[in-house]
Every structure is written in structure tokens, then in C-alpha cells.
Amino acid sequence: MAGSAAIDLADYTHSIGARIDGFLYRGLNRDDYAMIWVSNGFEALTGLSGDEFVRRRMSFSDLIHPEDLTAVNDAVAAALATDGRWQVAYRLKTPRGWRFVHETGGGCERDPETGEILYLDGIILDSGRLTNVAERLEMGRASVSAMNGSIAQIFSTLKTLRLLALNARIEAARAAEHGLGFNVVAQEMNALASAGETLMKRVEEELSRLNDAVRL
């Protein structure tokens, strides 16, 4: 366009890369997702030198959480099969531990002889909020697990209370009319144990639902 300054693509890409919490990339279409170019945000997220990572053709799949790698592979394969794009969230190894990222990408350029897609282009963004949510869910899961242990102890205590109530009733029967007071106490203890067990079963059911909700 007349009067407009020519845009240097390298500078433009560098500028975009400096303004996102993540990085742009071009990688090889192979199992290890080795990169041939990454933007300047790569080192900030992964803690690794982008130049060295590219030069050594290091495996990007090694940075993906093992439990998430299959989902990433499936998303990429499905998109390539339909010439579409993939969008997938997964955990990436970083200096701060495992961080959730969101990746959008697609295949580009085909081998003129085989027709196979040669490169994968895309963007990987740090999903900091998702990571925080996951960390809170993990804390919640640990709390639920601790509460489940406490419930087991409470049930054990209630069983002991029932046993004490039974022993009290036996002693009350032996003491005849002198044991009427023990009998009343035994009935109250038994009623208390029954009410406690009913309540704790409800709590246990709710904790089970909560445990399913916070499971990662």
C-alpha cells in the first residue's frame, strides 16, 4: 500500500512473541515433535534455550506430561487426517513444575512425492489460571482423602460405642432392678451410635461425590 512502511516479517513475529505468555513454533511432523523454529517466548516458558533446542533437534514430546501425551498425539493425528486444526490442553514441563498450556496448530507443506505433511505450525500459550485451578483441585483432593480417613476412624468409634452399649445392657440385666440406670444409659448410647452412623453415611456419600468432582 502506497505510503505504508514495509513490514519486516521477522521483526513482526518477534514483536508478537514478546507479547504473549507462550510461543509460536514450527516443528517437524514426527513423533517427537522436534522444532525447527520457536519464538522468543520459548525459553521464558520452558527454561530451555530456543536456539539450542532447535539446533539439537531435541524432543518436544519429552516436555509433555506422560499422562497427557496420548491426548496430544490423538488431537494432532485427527487434525492432520482432515486438514484441520487441533486444539488441546496439556501439562508442560517448566522450571516452575508442570504447567497447563493450550496449543492450537495445524499442518503445512506437503512432500511433493509422498504427499505427507512436512511441518506443524502453531502457538502454545501458558494457561496459568488452569494451572492454579488444578493445584487447588489437588489440594481439595488431598483434603477429601484426609476426611475419608477421619470418617473411617469415626465409624470405628461408633462401633466401639455400640459394643459398650451392649456390655452396659448385659451388666444391667445381671444387676436386675439395680441396673435400670445402666439400661437407660445403654439405650441412649445405642441410639446415639445409630444416629451417628446414619449421619456419617450421608457425609461419606457427599464426600464420595466431592472426591469424584476434584479428581484430576
C-alpha atoms as a PDB file:
ATOM      1  CA  MET A   1       0.000   0.000   0.000  1.00  0.00           C
ATOM      2  CA  ALA A   2       1.419   3.368  -1.004  1.00  0.00           C
ATOM      3  CA  GLY A   3       2.797   5.391   1.868  1.00  0.00           C
ATOM      4  CA  SER A   4       2.846   2.476   4.314  1.00  0.00           C
ATOM      5  CA  ALA A   5       6.072   1.182   5.797  1.00  0.00           C
ATOM      6  CA  ALA A   6       7.241  -2.244   4.682  1.00  0.00           C
ATOM      7  CA  ILE A   7       6.782  -4.855   7.405  1.00  0.00           C
ATOM      8  CA  ASP A   8       9.793  -6.960   8.340  1.00  0.00           C
ATOM      9  CA  LEU A   9       8.246 -10.388   8.982  1.00  0.00           C
ATOM     10  CA  ALA A  10      10.989 -11.411  11.399  1.00  0.00           C
ATOM     11  CA  ASP A  11      10.569  -8.246  13.475  1.00  0.00           C
ATOM     12  CA  TYR A  12       6.788  -8.621  13.365  1.00  0.00           C
ATOM     13  CA  THR A  13       6.966 -12.221  14.593  1.00  0.00           C
ATOM     14  CA  HIS A  14       9.457 -11.247  17.295  1.00  0.00           C
ATOM     15  CA  SER A  15       7.133  -8.470  18.432  1.00  0.00           C
ATOM     16  CA  ILE A  16       4.154 -10.833  18.708  1.00  0.00           C
ATOM     17  CA  GLY A  17       6.232 -13.431  20.536  1.00  0.00           C
ATOM     18  CA  ALA A  18       7.278 -10.856  23.125  1.00  0.00           C
ATOM     19  CA  ARG A  19       3.660 -10.019  23.934  1.00  0.00           C
ATOM     20  CA  ILE A  20       2.227 -13.460  24.607  1.00  0.00           C
ATOM     21  CA  ASP A  21       2.609 -15.849  27.542  1.00  0.00           C
ATOM     22  CA  GLY A  22       3.885 -18.658  25.375  1.00  0.00           C
ATOM     23  CA  PHE A  23       5.499 -19.076  21.985  1.00  0.00           C
ATOM     24  CA  LEU A  24       4.964 -19.658  18.281  1.00  0.00           C
ATOM     25  CA  TYR A  25       6.624 -22.624  16.643  1.00  0.00           C
ATOM     26  CA  ARG A  26       7.252 -24.652  13.532  1.00  0.00           C
ATOM     27  CA  GLY A  27       8.038 -28.302  14.123  1.00  0.00           C
ATOM     28  CA  LEU A  28       8.678 -31.439  12.157  1.00  0.00           C
ATOM     29  CA  ASN A  29       5.789 -33.805  11.615  1.00  0.00           C
ATOM     30  CA  ARG A  30       7.230 -36.708  13.545  1.00  0.00           C
ATOM     31  CA  ASP A  31       6.623 -38.468  16.845  1.00  0.00           C
ATOM     32  CA  ASP A  32       8.995 -36.386  18.941  1.00  0.00           C
ATOM     33  CA  TYR A  33       7.675 -33.038  17.604  1.00  0.00           C
ATOM     34  CA  ALA A  34      11.216 -31.715  17.164  1.00  0.00           C
ATOM     35  CA  MET A  35      11.218 -27.987  16.443  1.00  0.00           C
ATOM     36  CA  ILE A  36      12.908 -26.164  13.572  1.00  0.00           C
ATOM     37  CA  TRP A  37      11.901 -22.712  14.850  1.00  0.00           C
ATOM     38  CA  VAL A  38      10.458 -21.273  18.059  1.00  0.00           C
ATOM     39  CA  SER A  39       9.743 -17.677  19.002  1.00  0.00           C
ATOM     40  CA  ASN A  40      11.461 -15.858  21.845  1.00  0.00           C
ATOM     41  CA  GLY A  41       8.783 -16.892  24.385  1.00  0.00           C
ATOM     42  CA  PHE A  42      10.006 -20.493  24.323  1.00  0.00           C
ATOM     43  CA  GLU A  43      12.771 -20.006  26.892  1.00  0.00           C
ATOM     44  CA  ALA A  44      10.570 -17.946  29.217  1.00  0.00           C
ATOM     45  CA  LEU A  45       8.059 -20.813  29.434  1.00  0.00           C
ATOM     46  CA  THR A  46      10.270 -23.908  29.296  1.00  0.00           C
ATOM     47  CA  GLY A  47      13.516 -22.584  30.773  1.00  0.00           C
ATOM     48  CA  LEU A  48      15.386 -24.007  27.773  1.00  0.00           C
ATOM     49  CA  SER A  49      17.356 -22.128  25.133  1.00  0.00           C
ATOM     50  CA  GLY A  50      15.245 -21.994  21.992  1.00  0.00           C
ATOM     51  CA  ASP A  51      18.319 -21.823  19.741  1.00  0.00           C
ATOM     52  CA  GLU A  52      19.878 -24.898  21.335  1.00  0.00           C
ATOM     53  CA  PHE A  53      16.584 -26.772  21.385  1.00  0.00           C
ATOM     54  CA  VAL A  54      16.178 -26.203  17.646  1.00  0.00           C
ATOM     55  CA  ARG A  55      19.830 -26.796  16.773  1.00  0.00           C
ATOM     56  CA  ARG A  56      19.953 -30.132  18.602  1.00  0.00           C
ATOM     57  CA  ARG A  57      16.507 -31.173  17.334  1.00  0.00           C
ATOM     58  CA  MET A  58      15.554 -32.030  20.907  1.00  0.00           C
ATOM     59  CA  SER A  59      12.314 -33.916  21.566  1.00  0.00           C
ATOM     60  CA  PHE A  60       9.418 -31.626  22.450  1.00  0.00           C
ATOM     61  CA  SER A  61       7.300 -34.643  23.376  1.00  0.00           C
ATOM     62  CA  ASP A  62       9.688 -35.211  26.305  1.00  0.00           C
ATOM     63  CA  LEU A  63       8.408 -31.950  27.789  1.00  0.00           C
ATOM     64  CA  ILE A  64       4.778 -33.099  27.677  1.00  0.00           C
ATOM     65  CA  HIS A  65       3.398 -34.844  30.763  1.00  0.00           C
ATOM     66  CA  PRO A  66       3.396 -38.619  30.081  1.00  0.00           C
ATOM     67  CA  GLU A  67      -0.282 -38.858  31.084  1.00  0.00           C
ATOM     68  CA  ASP A  68      -1.203 -36.198  28.502  1.00  0.00           C
ATOM     69  CA  LEU A  69       0.937 -37.303  25.565  1.00  0.00           C
ATOM     70  CA  THR A  70      -1.627 -39.716  24.102  1.00  0.00           C
ATOM     71  CA  ALA A  71      -4.285 -36.996  24.062  1.00  0.00           C
ATOM     72  CA  VAL A  72      -1.880 -34.651  22.264  1.00  0.00           C
ATOM     73  CA  ASN A  73      -0.945 -37.302  19.705  1.00  0.00           C
ATOM     74  CA  ASP A  74      -4.592 -38.136  19.055  1.00  0.00           C
ATOM     75  CA  ALA A  75      -5.551 -34.471  18.617  1.00  0.00           C
ATOM     76  CA  VAL A  76      -2.730 -33.849  16.150  1.00  0.00           C
ATOM     77  CA  ALA A  77      -3.421 -37.040  14.182  1.00  0.00           C
ATOM     78  CA  ALA A  78      -7.151 -36.288  13.914  1.00  0.00           C
ATOM     79  CA  ALA A  79      -6.491 -32.759  12.671  1.00  0.00           C
ATOM     80  CA  LEU A  80      -3.908 -33.855  10.101  1.00  0.00           C
ATOM     81  CA  ALA A  81      -6.253 -36.533   8.780  1.00  0.00           C
ATOM     82  CA  THR A  82      -8.851 -33.891   7.924  1.00  0.00           C
ATOM     83  CA  ASP A  83      -6.509 -30.991   7.052  1.00  0.00           C
ATOM     84  CA  GLY A  84      -7.931 -29.247  10.077  1.00  0.00           C
ATOM     85  CA  ARG A  85      -6.556 -27.673  13.229  1.00  0.00           C
ATOM     86  CA  TRP A  86      -6.077 -29.140  16.655  1.00  0.00           C
ATOM     87  CA  GLN A  87      -6.738 -27.521  19.992  1.00  0.00           C
ATOM     88  CA  VAL A  88      -5.523 -29.376  23.031  1.00  0.00           C
ATOM     89  CA  ALA A  89      -4.688 -28.588  26.660  1.00  0.00           C
ATOM     90  CA  TYR A  90      -1.937 -30.473  28.445  1.00  0.00           C
ATOM     91  CA  ARG A  91       0.770 -30.164  31.079  1.00  0.00           C
ATOM     92  CA  LEU A  92       4.199 -28.947  30.033  1.00  0.00           C
ATOM     93  CA  LYS A  93       7.444 -29.314  31.986  1.00  0.00           C
ATOM     94  CA  THR A  94       8.714 -25.901  33.123  1.00  0.00           C
ATOM     95  CA  PRO A  95      11.143 -24.581  35.758  1.00  0.00           C
ATOM     96  CA  ARG A  96       8.059 -23.971  37.960  1.00  0.00           C
ATOM     97  CA  GLY A  97       6.899 -27.549  37.636  1.00  0.00           C
ATOM     98  CA  TRP A  98       4.130 -28.872  35.416  1.00  0.00           C
ATOM     99  CA  ARG A  99       2.161 -26.021  33.848  1.00  0.00           C
ATOM    100  CA  PHE A 100      -1.056 -26.321  31.861  1.00  0.00           C
ATOM    101  CA  VAL A 101      -0.768 -24.947  28.341  1.00  0.00           C
ATOM    102  CA  HIS A 102      -3.209 -24.611  25.475  1.00  0.00           C
ATOM    103  CA  GLU A 103      -1.985 -25.401  21.982  1.00  0.00           C
ATOM    104  CA  THR A 104      -3.551 -24.584  18.638  1.00  0.00           C
ATOM    105  CA  GLY A 105      -1.892 -25.739  15.460  1.00  0.00           C
ATOM    106  CA  GLY A 106      -2.114 -27.285  12.026  1.00  0.00           C
ATOM    107  CA  GLY A 107      -0.083 -28.992   9.363  1.00  0.00           C
ATOM    108  CA  CYS A 108       1.589 -27.186   6.485  1.00  0.00           C
ATOM    109  CA  GLU A 109       3.547 -28.004   3.335  1.00  0.00           C
ATOM    110  CA  ARG A 110       3.411 -31.449   1.810  1.00  0.00           C
ATOM    111  CA  ASP A 111       6.135 -33.593   0.383  1.00  0.00           C
ATOM    112  CA  PRO A 112       5.641 -33.379  -3.406  1.00  0.00           C
ATOM    113  CA  GLU A 113       6.450 -37.052  -3.817  1.00  0.00           C
ATOM    114  CA  THR A 114       4.674 -38.704  -0.881  1.00  0.00           C
ATOM    115  CA  GLY A 115       2.008 -36.095  -0.139  1.00  0.00           C
ATOM    116  CA  GLU A 116       2.822 -36.305   3.571  1.00  0.00           C
ATOM    117  CA  ILE A 117       2.627 -33.165   5.685  1.00  0.00           C
ATOM    118  CA  LEU A 118       6.120 -31.973   6.499  1.00  0.00           C
ATOM    119  CA  TYR A 119       5.684 -29.341   9.196  1.00  0.00           C
ATOM    120  CA  LEU A 120       3.466 -28.435  12.115  1.00  0.00           C
ATOM    121  CA  ASP A 121       2.814 -24.769  12.846  1.00  0.00           C
ATOM    122  CA  GLY A 122       1.132 -23.458  15.933  1.00  0.00           C
ATOM    123  CA  ILE A 123       1.056 -21.465  19.129  1.00  0.00           C
ATOM    124  CA  ILE A 124       1.386 -22.687  22.720  1.00  0.00           C
ATOM    125  CA  LEU A 125       0.039 -20.445  25.484  1.00  0.00           C
ATOM    126  CA  ASP A 126       0.560 -20.724  29.212  1.00  0.00           C
ATOM    127  CA  SER A 127      -2.821 -21.412  30.858  1.00  0.00           C
ATOM    128  CA  GLY A 128      -1.833 -20.023  34.238  1.00  0.00           C
ATOM    129  CA  ARG A 129      -5.388 -19.910  35.553  1.00  0.00           C
ATOM    130  CA  LEU A 130      -5.962 -23.532  34.591  1.00  0.00           C
ATOM    131  CA  THR A 131      -2.768 -24.482  36.416  1.00  0.00           C
ATOM    132  CA  ASN A 132      -3.962 -22.662  39.528  1.00  0.00           C
ATOM    133  CA  VAL A 133      -7.321 -24.426  39.333  1.00  0.00           C
ATOM    134  CA  ALA A 134      -5.571 -27.780  39.019  1.00  0.00           C
ATOM    135  CA  GLU A 135      -3.382 -27.002  42.027  1.00  0.00           C
ATOM    136  CA  ARG A 136      -6.451 -26.084  44.088  1.00  0.00           C
ATOM    137  CA  LEU A 137      -8.229 -29.234  42.985  1.00  0.00           C
ATOM    138  CA  GLU A 138      -5.213 -31.265  44.052  1.00  0.00           C
ATOM    139  CA  MET A 139      -5.332 -29.574  47.461  1.00  0.00           C
ATOM    140  CA  GLY A 140      -9.057 -30.329  47.629  1.00  0.00           C
ATOM    141  CA  ARG A 141      -8.430 -33.950  46.692  1.00  0.00           C
ATOM    142  CA  ALA A 142      -5.867 -34.259  49.477  1.00  0.00           C
ATOM    143  CA  SER A 143      -8.335 -32.743  51.957  1.00  0.00           C
ATOM    144  CA  VAL A 144     -11.077 -35.129  50.858  1.00  0.00           C
ATOM    145  CA  SER A 145      -8.672 -38.046  51.239  1.00  0.00           C
ATOM    146  CA  ALA A 146      -7.857 -36.905  54.796  1.00  0.00           C
ATOM    147  CA  MET A 147     -11.562 -36.590  55.608  1.00  0.00           C
ATOM    148  CA  ASN A 148     -12.187 -40.093  54.296  1.00  0.00           C
ATOM    149  CA  GLY A 149      -9.592 -41.328  56.778  1.00  0.00           C
ATOM    150  CA  SER A 150     -11.298 -39.416  59.575  1.00  0.00           C
ATOM    151  CA  ILE A 151     -14.664 -40.942  58.669  1.00  0.00           C
ATOM    152  CA  ALA A 152     -13.181 -44.428  58.967  1.00  0.00           C
ATOM    153  CA  GLN A 153     -11.999 -43.556  62.469  1.00  0.00           C
ATOM    154  CA  ILE A 154     -15.422 -42.170  63.401  1.00  0.00           C
ATOM    155  CA  PHE A 155     -17.133 -45.358  62.222  1.00  0.00           C
ATOM    156  CA  SER A 156     -14.680 -47.342  64.334  1.00  0.00           C
ATOM    157  CA  THR A 157     -15.529 -45.183  67.350  1.00  0.00           C
ATOM    158  CA  LEU A 158     -19.269 -45.663  66.770  1.00  0.00           C
ATOM    159  CA  LYS A 159     -18.790 -49.418  66.620  1.00  0.00           C
ATOM    160  CA  THR A 160     -16.948 -49.236  69.935  1.00  0.00           C
ATOM    161  CA  LEU A 161     -19.837 -47.202  71.352  1.00  0.00           C
ATOM    162  CA  ARG A 162     -22.305 -49.882  70.239  1.00  0.00           C
ATOM    163  CA  LEU A 163     -20.146 -52.523  71.906  1.00  0.00           C
ATOM    164  CA  LEU A 164     -20.045 -50.527  75.131  1.00  0.00           C
ATOM    165  CA  ALA A 165     -23.824 -50.116  74.971  1.00  0.00           C
ATOM    166  CA  LEU A 166     -24.238 -53.868  74.576  1.00  0.00           C
ATOM    167  CA  ASN A 167     -21.947 -54.527  77.541  1.00  0.00           C
ATOM    168  CA  ALA A 168     -23.901 -51.987  79.601  1.00  0.00           C
ATOM    169  CA  ARG A 169     -27.186 -53.734  78.799  1.00  0.00           C
ATOM    170  CA  ILE A 170     -25.687 -57.083  79.765  1.00  0.00           C
ATOM    171  CA  GLU A 171     -24.480 -55.698  83.073  1.00  0.00           C
ATOM    172  CA  ALA A 172     -27.886 -54.018  83.590  1.00  0.00           C
ATOM    173  CA  ALA A 173     -29.627 -57.362  83.072  1.00  0.00           C
ATOM    174  CA  ARG A 174     -27.332 -59.001  85.594  1.00  0.00           C
ATOM    175  CA  ALA A 175     -27.996 -56.283  88.138  1.00  0.00           C
ATOM    176  CA  ALA A 176     -31.774 -56.664  87.726  1.00  0.00           C
ATOM    177  CA  GLU A 177     -33.655 -53.670  89.177  1.00  0.00           C
ATOM    178  CA  HIS A 178     -30.403 -52.174  90.423  1.00  0.00           C
ATOM    179  CA  GLY A 179     -29.236 -51.929  86.857  1.00  0.00           C
ATOM    180  CA  LEU A 180     -32.148 -49.940  85.451  1.00  0.00           C
ATOM    181  CA  GLY A 181     -29.991 -46.862  85.225  1.00  0.00           C
ATOM    182  CA  PHE A 182     -27.357 -48.751  83.229  1.00  0.00           C
ATOM    183  CA  ASN A 183     -30.086 -49.950  80.886  1.00  0.00           C
ATOM    184  CA  VAL A 184     -31.256 -46.394  80.191  1.00  0.00           C
ATOM    185  CA  VAL A 185     -27.678 -45.300  79.541  1.00  0.00           C
ATOM    186  CA  ALA A 186     -27.150 -48.292  77.236  1.00  0.00           C
ATOM    187  CA  GLN A 187     -30.274 -47.415  75.220  1.00  0.00           C
ATOM    188  CA  GLU A 188     -29.113 -43.806  74.871  1.00  0.00           C
ATOM    189  CA  MET A 189     -25.653 -44.916  73.791  1.00  0.00           C
ATOM    190  CA  ASN A 190     -27.122 -47.288  71.224  1.00  0.00           C
ATOM    191  CA  ALA A 191     -29.449 -44.593  69.873  1.00  0.00           C
ATOM    192  CA  LEU A 192     -26.539 -42.167  69.676  1.00  0.00           C
ATOM    193  CA  ALA A 193     -24.434 -44.700  67.777  1.00  0.00           C
ATOM    194  CA  SER A 194     -27.284 -45.401  65.322  1.00  0.00           C
ATOM    195  CA  ALA A 195     -27.863 -41.691  64.679  1.00  0.00           C
ATOM    196  CA  GLY A 196     -24.137 -41.127  64.267  1.00  0.00           C
ATOM    197  CA  GLU A 197     -23.784 -43.950  61.745  1.00  0.00           C
ATOM    198  CA  THR A 198     -26.722 -42.651  59.713  1.00  0.00           C
ATOM    199  CA  LEU A 199     -25.228 -39.169  59.647  1.00  0.00           C
ATOM    200  CA  MET A 200     -21.752 -40.378  58.782  1.00  0.00           C
ATOM    201  CA  LYS A 201     -23.078 -42.492  55.903  1.00  0.00           C
ATOM    202  CA  ARG A 202     -24.615 -39.342  54.438  1.00  0.00           C
ATOM    203  CA  VAL A 203     -21.340 -37.477  54.904  1.00  0.00           C
ATOM    204  CA  GLU A 204     -19.490 -40.370  53.289  1.00  0.00           C
ATOM    205  CA  GLU A 205     -21.793 -40.244  50.257  1.00  0.00           C
ATOM    206  CA  GLU A 206     -21.293 -36.491  49.862  1.00  0.00           C
ATOM    207  CA  LEU A 207     -17.530 -36.857  50.218  1.00  0.00           C
ATOM    208  CA  SER A 208     -17.591 -39.538  47.528  1.00  0.00           C
ATOM    209  CA  ARG A 209     -19.304 -37.109  45.158  1.00  0.00           C
ATOM    210  CA  LEU A 210     -16.819 -34.403  46.106  1.00  0.00           C
ATOM    211  CA  ASN A 211     -13.931 -36.780  45.539  1.00  0.00           C
ATOM    212  CA  ASP A 212     -15.207 -37.518  42.018  1.00  0.00           C
ATOM    213  CA  ALA A 213     -15.512 -33.788  41.347  1.00  0.00           C
ATOM    214  CA  VAL A 214     -11.946 -32.926  42.367  1.00  0.00           C
ATOM    215  CA  ARG A 215     -10.278 -35.993  40.836  1.00  0.00           C
ATOM    216  CA  LEU A 216      -7.787 -34.913  38.123  1.00  0.00           C
END
